[in-house]
Amino acid sequence: MDGYEAARRIVDLAPGLPIVGQTAHALAEDRARCLAAGMVDYIAKPIELEKLAEVILRHTQPRIRRAS
């Protein structure tokens, strides 16, 4: 099973769980394929720790609503 199939199965089991793909490719079609499989984001290799932390925090921290 590849990561795309794994993502589809995880989405079926836990729809609210954010999945971040990791790929060796940084092309637009790779990003589109990740998102189509149910991933919320993706990060290309080589992994930069600061970028990885940014992506994880983006999808795991509660959103703060601003008063109008």
PDB file of N, CA and C in Angstrom:
ATOM      1  N   MET A   1       0.855  -1.170   0.000  1.00  0.00           N
ATOM      2  CA  MET A   1       0.000   0.000   0.000  1.00  0.00           C
ATOM      3  C   MET A   1       0.905   1.239   0.000  1.00  0.00           C
ATOM      4  N   ASP A   2       0.593   2.196  -0.839  1.00  0.00           N
ATOM      5  CA  ASP A   2       1.363   3.433  -0.849  1.00  0.00           C
ATOM      6  C   ASP A   2       0.722   4.470   0.077  1.00  0.00           C
ATOM      7  N   GLY A   3       1.359   5.611   0.201  1.00  0.00           N
ATOM      8  CA  GLY A   3       0.871   6.647   1.098  1.00  0.00           C
ATOM      9  C   GLY A   3      -0.474   7.219   0.706  1.00  0.00           C
ATOM     10  N   TYR A   4      -0.758   7.239  -0.576  1.00  0.00           N
ATOM     11  CA  TYR A   4      -2.051   7.765  -1.028  1.00  0.00           C
ATOM     12  C   TYR A   4      -3.191   6.852  -0.588  1.00  0.00           C
ATOM     13  N   GLU A   5      -3.003   5.565  -0.753  1.00  0.00           N
ATOM     14  CA  GLU A   5      -4.014   4.592  -0.315  1.00  0.00           C
ATOM     15  C   GLU A   5      -4.132   4.607   1.207  1.00  0.00           C
ATOM     16  N   ALA A   6      -3.003   4.697   1.895  1.00  0.00           N
ATOM     17  CA  ALA A   6      -3.033   4.772   3.359  1.00  0.00           C
ATOM     18  C   ALA A   6      -3.830   5.987   3.815  1.00  0.00           C
ATOM     19  N   ALA A   7      -3.611   7.128   3.163  1.00  0.00           N
ATOM     20  CA  ALA A   7      -4.347   8.348   3.514  1.00  0.00           C
ATOM     21  C   ALA A   7      -5.844   8.160   3.300  1.00  0.00           C
ATOM     22  N   ARG A   8      -6.222   7.572   2.176  1.00  0.00           N
ATOM     23  CA  ARG A   8      -7.653   7.342   1.913  1.00  0.00           C
ATOM     24  C   ARG A   8      -8.277   6.454   2.989  1.00  0.00           C
ATOM     25  N   ARG A   9      -7.575   5.430   3.401  1.00  0.00           N
ATOM     26  CA  ARG A   9      -8.106   4.529   4.434  1.00  0.00           C
ATOM     27  C   ARG A   9      -8.179   5.209   5.791  1.00  0.00           C
ATOM     28  N   ILE A  10      -7.176   6.006   6.107  1.00  0.00           N
ATOM     29  CA  ILE A  10      -7.199   6.728   7.384  1.00  0.00           C
ATOM     30  C   ILE A  10      -8.350   7.723   7.407  1.00  0.00           C
ATOM     31  N   VAL A  11      -8.576   8.424   6.321  1.00  0.00           N
ATOM     32  CA  VAL A  11      -9.691   9.370   6.245  1.00  0.00           C
ATOM     33  C   VAL A  11     -11.019   8.646   6.481  1.00  0.00           C
ATOM     34  N   ASP A  12     -11.163   7.447   5.946  1.00  0.00           N
ATOM     35  CA  ASP A  12     -12.386   6.663   6.173  1.00  0.00           C
ATOM     36  C   ASP A  12     -12.556   6.302   7.645  1.00  0.00           C
ATOM     37  N   LEU A  13     -11.452   5.980   8.315  1.00  0.00           N
ATOM     38  CA  LEU A  13     -11.502   5.568   9.717  1.00  0.00           C
ATOM     39  C   LEU A  13     -11.586   6.738  10.687  1.00  0.00           C
ATOM     40  N   ALA A  14     -10.911   7.825  10.380  1.00  0.00           N
ATOM     41  CA  ALA A  14     -10.829   8.975  11.281  1.00  0.00           C
ATOM     42  C   ALA A  14     -10.860  10.268  10.460  1.00  0.00           C
ATOM     43  N   PRO A  15     -12.043  10.665  10.002  1.00  0.00           N
ATOM     44  CA  PRO A  15     -12.152  11.809   9.090  1.00  0.00           C
ATOM     45  C   PRO A  15     -11.575  13.123   9.620  1.00  0.00           C
ATOM     46  N   GLY A  16     -11.528  13.329  10.902  1.00  0.00           N
ATOM     47  CA  GLY A  16     -11.035  14.584  11.457  1.00  0.00           C
ATOM     48  C   GLY A  16      -9.539  14.611  11.708  1.00  0.00           C
ATOM     49  N   LEU A  17      -8.862  13.509  11.478  1.00  0.00           N
ATOM     50  CA  LEU A  17      -7.427  13.420  11.733  1.00  0.00           C
ATOM     51  C   LEU A  17      -6.650  14.041  10.575  1.00  0.00           C
ATOM     52  N   PRO A  18      -5.879  15.102  10.830  1.00  0.00           N
ATOM     53  CA  PRO A  18      -5.117  15.714   9.738  1.00  0.00           C
ATOM     54  C   PRO A  18      -3.940  14.829   9.318  1.00  0.00           C
ATOM     55  N   ILE A  19      -3.803  14.614   8.031  1.00  0.00           N
ATOM     56  CA  ILE A  19      -2.726  13.797   7.486  1.00  0.00           C
ATOM     57  C   ILE A  19      -1.820  14.704   6.661  1.00  0.00           C
ATOM     58  N   VAL A  20      -0.538  14.670   6.980  1.00  0.00           N
ATOM     59  CA  VAL A  20       0.450  15.444   6.239  1.00  0.00           C
ATOM     60  C   VAL A  20       1.302  14.461   5.449  1.00  0.00           C
ATOM     61  N   GLY A  21       1.310  14.618   4.145  1.00  0.00           N
ATOM     62  CA  GLY A  21       2.100  13.741   3.292  1.00  0.00           C
ATOM     63  C   GLY A  21       3.565  14.150   3.271  1.00  0.00           C
ATOM     64  N   GLN A  22       4.404  13.173   3.058  1.00  0.00           N
ATOM     65  CA  GLN A  22       5.840  13.416   2.917  1.00  0.00           C
ATOM     66  C   GLN A  22       6.256  12.817   1.584  1.00  0.00           C
ATOM     67  N   THR A  23       6.858  13.626   0.731  1.00  0.00           N
ATOM     68  CA  THR A  23       7.200  13.166  -0.602  1.00  0.00           C
ATOM     69  C   THR A  23       8.587  13.646  -1.009  1.00  0.00           C
ATOM     70  N   ALA A  24       9.188  12.919  -1.909  1.00  0.00           N
ATOM     71  CA  ALA A  24      10.492  13.322  -2.440  1.00  0.00           C
ATOM     72  C   ALA A  24      10.326  14.328  -3.577  1.00  0.00           C
ATOM     73  N   HIS A  25       9.088  14.595  -3.966  1.00  0.00           N
ATOM     74  CA  HIS A  25       8.814  15.472  -5.097  1.00  0.00           C
ATOM     75  C   HIS A  25       8.125  16.750  -4.619  1.00  0.00           C
ATOM     76  N   ALA A  26       8.413  17.849  -5.247  1.00  0.00           N
ATOM     77  CA  ALA A  26       7.816  19.128  -4.857  1.00  0.00           C
ATOM     78  C   ALA A  26       7.035  19.741  -6.020  1.00  0.00           C
ATOM     79  N   LEU A  27       6.527  18.921  -6.899  1.00  0.00           N
ATOM     80  CA  LEU A  27       5.789  19.411  -8.057  1.00  0.00           C
ATOM     81  C   LEU A  27       4.329  19.661  -7.705  1.00  0.00           C
ATOM     82  N   ALA A  28       3.693  20.560  -8.437  1.00  0.00           N
ATOM     83  CA  ALA A  28       2.294  20.908  -8.180  1.00  0.00           C
ATOM     84  C   ALA A  28       1.387  19.688  -8.281  1.00  0.00           C
ATOM     85  N   GLU A  29       1.660  18.787  -9.229  1.00  0.00           N
ATOM     86  CA  GLU A  29       0.789  17.608  -9.361  1.00  0.00           C
ATOM     87  C   GLU A  29       0.949  16.647  -8.183  1.00  0.00           C
ATOM     88  N   ASP A  30       2.125  16.629  -7.552  1.00  0.00           N
ATOM     89  CA  ASP A  30       2.306  15.804  -6.360  1.00  0.00           C
ATOM     90  C   ASP A  30       1.476  16.352  -5.207  1.00  0.00           C
ATOM     91  N   ARG A  31       1.481  17.669  -5.065  1.00  0.00           N
ATOM     92  CA  ARG A  31       0.664  18.303  -4.022  1.00  0.00           C
ATOM     93  C   ARG A  31      -0.811  18.011  -4.279  1.00  0.00           C
ATOM     94  N   ALA A  32      -1.243  18.157  -5.509  1.00  0.00           N
ATOM     95  CA  ALA A  32      -2.638  17.902  -5.858  1.00  0.00           C
ATOM     96  C   ALA A  32      -3.023  16.450  -5.566  1.00  0.00           C
ATOM     97  N   ARG A  33      -2.124  15.527  -5.852  1.00  0.00           N
ATOM     98  CA  ARG A  33      -2.405  14.111  -5.597  1.00  0.00           C
ATOM     99  C   ARG A  33      -2.527  13.835  -4.096  1.00  0.00           C
ATOM    100  N   CYS A  34      -1.684  14.470  -3.304  1.00  0.00           N
ATOM    101  CA  CYS A  34      -1.776  14.324  -1.848  1.00  0.00           C
ATOM    102  C   CYS A  34      -3.118  14.847  -1.333  1.00  0.00           C
ATOM    103  N   LEU A  35      -3.479  16.035  -1.777  1.00  0.00           N
ATOM    104  CA  LEU A  35      -4.746  16.625  -1.329  1.00  0.00           C
ATOM    105  C   LEU A  35      -5.935  15.807  -1.798  1.00  0.00           C
ATOM    106  N   ALA A  36      -5.884  15.269  -3.002  1.00  0.00           N
ATOM    107  CA  ALA A  36      -6.975  14.443  -3.516  1.00  0.00           C
ATOM    108  C   ALA A  36      -7.133  13.153  -2.717  1.00  0.00           C
ATOM    109  N   ALA A  37      -6.046  12.671  -2.132  1.00  0.00           N
ATOM    110  CA  ALA A  37      -6.102  11.445  -1.332  1.00  0.00           C
ATOM    111  C   ALA A  37      -6.612  11.704   0.084  1.00  0.00           C
ATOM    112  N   GLY A  38      -6.812  12.978   0.430  1.00  0.00           N
ATOM    113  CA  GLY A  38      -7.351  13.312   1.741  1.00  0.00           C
ATOM    114  C   GLY A  38      -6.360  13.935   2.698  1.00  0.00           C
ATOM    115  N   MET A  39      -5.148  14.165   2.244  1.00  0.00           N
ATOM    116  CA  MET A  39      -4.152  14.800   3.102  1.00  0.00           C
ATOM    117  C   MET A  39      -4.461  16.294   3.189  1.00  0.00           C
ATOM    118  N   VAL A  40      -4.134  16.895   4.329  1.00  0.00           N
ATOM    119  CA  VAL A  40      -4.406  18.323   4.502  1.00  0.00           C
ATOM    120  C   VAL A  40      -3.237  19.183   4.038  1.00  0.00           C
ATOM    121  N   ASP A  41      -2.082  18.561   3.884  1.00  0.00           N
ATOM    122  CA  ASP A  41      -0.886  19.293   3.480  1.00  0.00           C
ATOM    123  C   ASP A  41       0.173  18.272   3.086  1.00  0.00           C
ATOM    124  N   TYR A  42       1.294  18.761   2.610  1.00  0.00           N
ATOM    125  CA  TYR A  42       2.410  17.866   2.334  1.00  0.00           C
ATOM    126  C   TYR A  42       3.702  18.629   2.481  1.00  0.00           C
ATOM    127  N   ILE A  43       4.766  17.885   2.687  1.00  0.00           N
ATOM    128  CA  ILE A  43       6.086  18.478   2.840  1.00  0.00           C
ATOM    129  C   ILE A  43       7.057  17.659   2.005  1.00  0.00           C
ATOM    130  N   ALA A  44       7.928  18.353   1.294  1.00  0.00           N
ATOM    131  CA  ALA A  44       8.872  17.670   0.414  1.00  0.00           C
ATOM    132  C   ALA A  44      10.191  17.385   1.138  1.00  0.00           C
ATOM    133  N   LYS A  45      10.816  16.300   0.734  1.00  0.00           N
ATOM    134  CA  LYS A  45      12.136  15.954   1.258  1.00  0.00           C
ATOM    135  C   LYS A  45      13.184  16.781   0.529  1.00  0.00           C
ATOM    136  N   PRO A  46      14.305  17.092   1.114  1.00  0.00           N
ATOM    137  CA  PRO A  46      14.691  16.731   2.479  1.00  0.00           C
ATOM    138  C   PRO A  46      13.900  17.563   3.484  1.00  0.00           C
ATOM    139  N   ILE A  47      13.529  16.943   4.569  1.00  0.00           N
ATOM    140  CA  ILE A  47      12.693  17.590   5.576  1.00  0.00           C
ATOM    141  C   ILE A  47      13.521  18.601   6.368  1.00  0.00           C
ATOM    142  N   GLU A  48      13.005  19.802   6.448  1.00  0.00           N
ATOM    143  CA  GLU A  48      13.588  20.847   7.293  1.00  0.00           C
ATOM    144  C   GLU A  48      12.755  20.885   8.567  1.00  0.00           C
ATOM    145  N   LEU A  49      13.391  20.717   9.728  1.00  0.00           N
ATOM    146  CA  LEU A  49      12.656  20.611  10.985  1.00  0.00           C
ATOM    147  C   LEU A  49      11.747  21.806  11.253  1.00  0.00           C
ATOM    148  N   GLU A  50      12.203  23.009  10.954  1.00  0.00           N
ATOM    149  CA  GLU A  50      11.367  24.188  11.179  1.00  0.00           C
ATOM    150  C   GLU A  50      10.120  24.155  10.303  1.00  0.00           C
ATOM    151  N   LYS A  51      10.288  23.765   9.054  1.00  0.00           N
ATOM    152  CA  LYS A  51       9.146  23.662   8.125  1.00  0.00           C
ATOM    153  C   LYS A  51       8.185  22.571   8.588  1.00  0.00           C
ATOM    154  N   LEU A  52       8.711  21.428   9.025  1.00  0.00           N
ATOM    155  CA  LEU A  52       7.869  20.344   9.517  1.00  0.00           C
ATOM    156  C   LEU A  52       7.067  20.799  10.729  1.00  0.00           C
ATOM    157  N   ALA A  53       7.717  21.463  11.677  1.00  0.00           N
ATOM    158  CA  ALA A  53       7.015  21.960  12.865  1.00  0.00           C
ATOM    159  C   ALA A  53       5.930  22.959  12.471  1.00  0.00           C
ATOM    160  N   GLU A  54       6.221  23.823  11.509  1.00  0.00           N
ATOM    161  CA  GLU A  54       5.237  24.811  11.033  1.00  0.00           C
ATOM    162  C   GLU A  54       3.998  24.119  10.451  1.00  0.00           C
ATOM    163  N   VAL A  55       4.220  23.104   9.641  1.00  0.00           N
ATOM    164  CA  VAL A  55       3.102  22.384   9.014  1.00  0.00           C
ATOM    165  C   VAL A  55       2.272  21.656  10.070  1.00  0.00           C
ATOM    166  N   ILE A  56       2.936  21.007  11.003  1.00  0.00           N
ATOM    167  CA  ILE A  56       2.216  20.281  12.057  1.00  0.00           C
ATOM    168  C   ILE A  56       1.390  21.248  12.892  1.00  0.00           C
ATOM    169  N   LEU A  57       2.003  22.340  13.320  1.00  0.00           N
ATOM    170  CA  LEU A  57       1.273  23.313  14.136  1.00  0.00           C
ATOM    171  C   LEU A  57       0.104  23.932  13.382  1.00  0.00           C
ATOM    172  N   ARG A  58       0.286  24.167  12.095  1.00  0.00           N
ATOM    173  CA  ARG A  58      -0.779  24.756  11.280  1.00  0.00           C
ATOM    174  C   ARG A  58      -2.050  23.901  11.313  1.00  0.00           C
ATOM    175  N   HIS A  59      -1.868  22.604  11.392  1.00  0.00           N
ATOM    176  CA  HIS A  59      -3.030  21.716  11.307  1.00  0.00           C
ATOM    177  C   HIS A  59      -3.447  21.091  12.628  1.00  0.00           C
ATOM    178  N   THR A  60      -2.751  21.427  13.718  1.00  0.00           N
ATOM    179  CA  THR A  60      -3.113  20.832  15.004  1.00  0.00           C
ATOM    180  C   THR A  60      -3.493  21.854  16.061  1.00  0.00           C
ATOM    181  N   GLN A  61      -3.098  23.099  15.920  1.00  0.00           N
ATOM    182  CA  GLN A  61      -3.457  24.099  16.909  1.00  0.00           C
ATOM    183  C   GLN A  61      -4.895  24.554  16.687  1.00  0.00           C
ATOM    184  N   PRO A  62      -5.615  24.748  17.780  1.00  0.00           N
ATOM    185  CA  PRO A  62      -6.993  25.244  17.619  1.00  0.00           C
ATOM    186  C   PRO A  62      -7.000  26.626  16.978  1.00  0.00           C
ATOM    187  N   ARG A  63      -7.943  26.833  16.131  1.00  0.00           N
ATOM    188  CA  ARG A  63      -8.074  28.129  15.468  1.00  0.00           C
ATOM    189  C   ARG A  63      -8.693  29.130  16.452  1.00  0.00           C
ATOM    190  N   ILE A  64      -8.142  30.335  16.489  1.00  0.00           N
ATOM    191  CA  ILE A  64      -8.683  31.380  17.343  1.00  0.00           C
ATOM    192  C   ILE A  64      -9.593  32.257  16.495  1.00  0.00           C
ATOM    193  N   ARG A  65     -10.819  32.374  16.935  1.00  0.00           N
ATOM    194  CA  ARG A  65     -11.766  33.219  16.207  1.00  0.00           C
ATOM    195  C   ARG A  65     -11.668  34.639  16.723  1.00  0.00           C
ATOM    196  N   ARG A  66     -11.595  35.556  15.809  1.00  0.00           N
ATOM    197  CA  ARG A  66     -11.508  36.958  16.173  1.00  0.00           C
ATOM    198  C   ARG A  66     -12.911  37.551  16.232  1.00  0.00           C
ATOM    199  N   ALA A  67     -13.129  38.363  17.233  1.00  0.00           N
ATOM    200  CA  ALA A  67     -14.426  39.047  17.367  1.00  0.00           C
ATOM    201  C   ALA A  67     -14.567  40.089  16.275  1.00  0.00           C
ATOM    202  N   SER A  68     -15.769  40.211  15.753  1.00  0.00           N
ATOM    203  CA  SER A  68     -16.009  41.203  14.686  1.00  0.00           C
ATOM    204  C   SER A  68     -16.217  42.576  15.248  1.00  0.00           C
TER     205      SER A  68
END
